[in-house]
Amino acid sequence: MRGYEAKAQVMADVATVIEQARREGRDLATALRIARVTLAYLSGPQPDPEQARALEAFDKQLRQLSS
């Protein structure tokens, strides 16, 4: 159960970062960049496979937004 609690907390933390960035008037791409950096920090130097997939999803969204 601890693993699910930790993942839920990380998701809540990232969602909070995105929401705060949007409240500050930042565009979606900037909010996603801030959330991506937060997730990378929380994942540590060797993210597990699930974290690596989440980071790749952020990268894909950022590439699409910059196109």
Protein backbone atom coordinates (compact mmCIF):
# COMPACT_ATOMS: atom_id res chain seq x y z
CA MET A 1 0.00 0.00 0.00
CA ARG A 2 2.90 2.35 0.68
CA GLY A 3 3.83 2.44 -3.02
CA TYR A 4 0.37 3.63 -4.01
CA GLU A 5 0.40 6.30 -1.32
CA ALA A 6 3.75 7.60 -2.50
CA LYS A 7 2.61 7.66 -6.14
CA ALA A 8 -0.59 9.43 -5.22
CA GLN A 9 1.41 12.04 -3.31
CA VAL A 10 3.74 12.60 -6.26
CA MET A 11 0.77 13.01 -8.61
CA ALA A 12 -0.81 15.47 -6.21
CA ASP A 13 2.46 17.39 -5.95
CA VAL A 14 2.80 17.64 -9.74
CA ALA A 15 -0.84 18.67 -10.12
CA THR A 16 -0.32 21.37 -7.49
CA VAL A 17 2.72 22.69 -9.37
CA ILE A 18 0.74 22.86 -12.64
CA GLU A 19 -2.21 24.58 -10.97
CA GLN A 20 0.04 27.10 -9.23
CA ALA A 21 1.79 27.93 -12.50
CA ARG A 22 -1.55 28.45 -14.24
CA ARG A 23 -2.78 30.69 -11.39
CA GLU A 24 0.37 32.77 -11.86
CA GLY A 25 -0.66 33.28 -15.48
CA ARG A 26 1.88 30.99 -17.08
CA ASP A 27 0.95 29.30 -20.34
CA LEU A 28 0.38 25.54 -20.54
CA ALA A 29 3.81 24.80 -21.98
CA THR A 30 5.52 26.62 -19.11
CA ALA A 31 3.31 24.88 -16.55
CA LEU A 32 4.21 21.51 -18.10
CA ARG A 33 7.92 22.34 -18.07
CA ILE A 34 7.71 23.23 -14.38
CA ALA A 35 5.80 20.01 -13.65
CA ARG A 36 8.31 17.98 -15.68
CA VAL A 37 11.23 19.38 -13.68
CA THR A 38 9.33 18.66 -10.46
CA LEU A 39 8.65 15.07 -11.53
CA ALA A 40 12.28 14.58 -12.57
CA TYR A 41 13.41 15.87 -9.17
CA LEU A 42 11.00 13.59 -7.32
CA SER A 43 12.03 10.60 -9.48
CA GLY A 44 15.69 10.94 -8.60
CA PRO A 45 18.65 10.06 -10.78
CA GLN A 46 17.32 6.59 -11.66
CA PRO A 47 13.55 6.75 -12.21
CA ASP A 48 11.63 3.51 -12.13
CA PRO A 49 9.95 2.39 -15.40
CA GLU A 50 6.65 4.07 -14.51
CA GLN A 51 8.37 7.37 -13.73
CA ALA A 52 10.40 7.11 -16.93
CA ARG A 53 7.16 6.68 -18.93
CA ALA A 54 5.66 9.72 -17.21
CA LEU A 55 8.73 11.80 -18.01
CA GLU A 56 8.59 10.67 -21.65
CA ALA A 57 4.90 11.62 -21.79
CA PHE A 58 5.77 15.11 -20.54
CA ASP A 59 8.54 15.37 -23.15
CA LYS A 60 6.15 14.28 -25.91
CA GLN A 61 3.55 16.87 -24.87
CA LEU A 62 6.18 19.59 -24.75
CA ARG A 63 7.42 18.67 -28.24
CA GLN A 64 3.85 18.82 -29.56
CA LEU A 65 3.24 22.20 -27.95
CA SER A 66 6.43 23.65 -29.42
CA SER A 67 5.61 22.47 -32.96
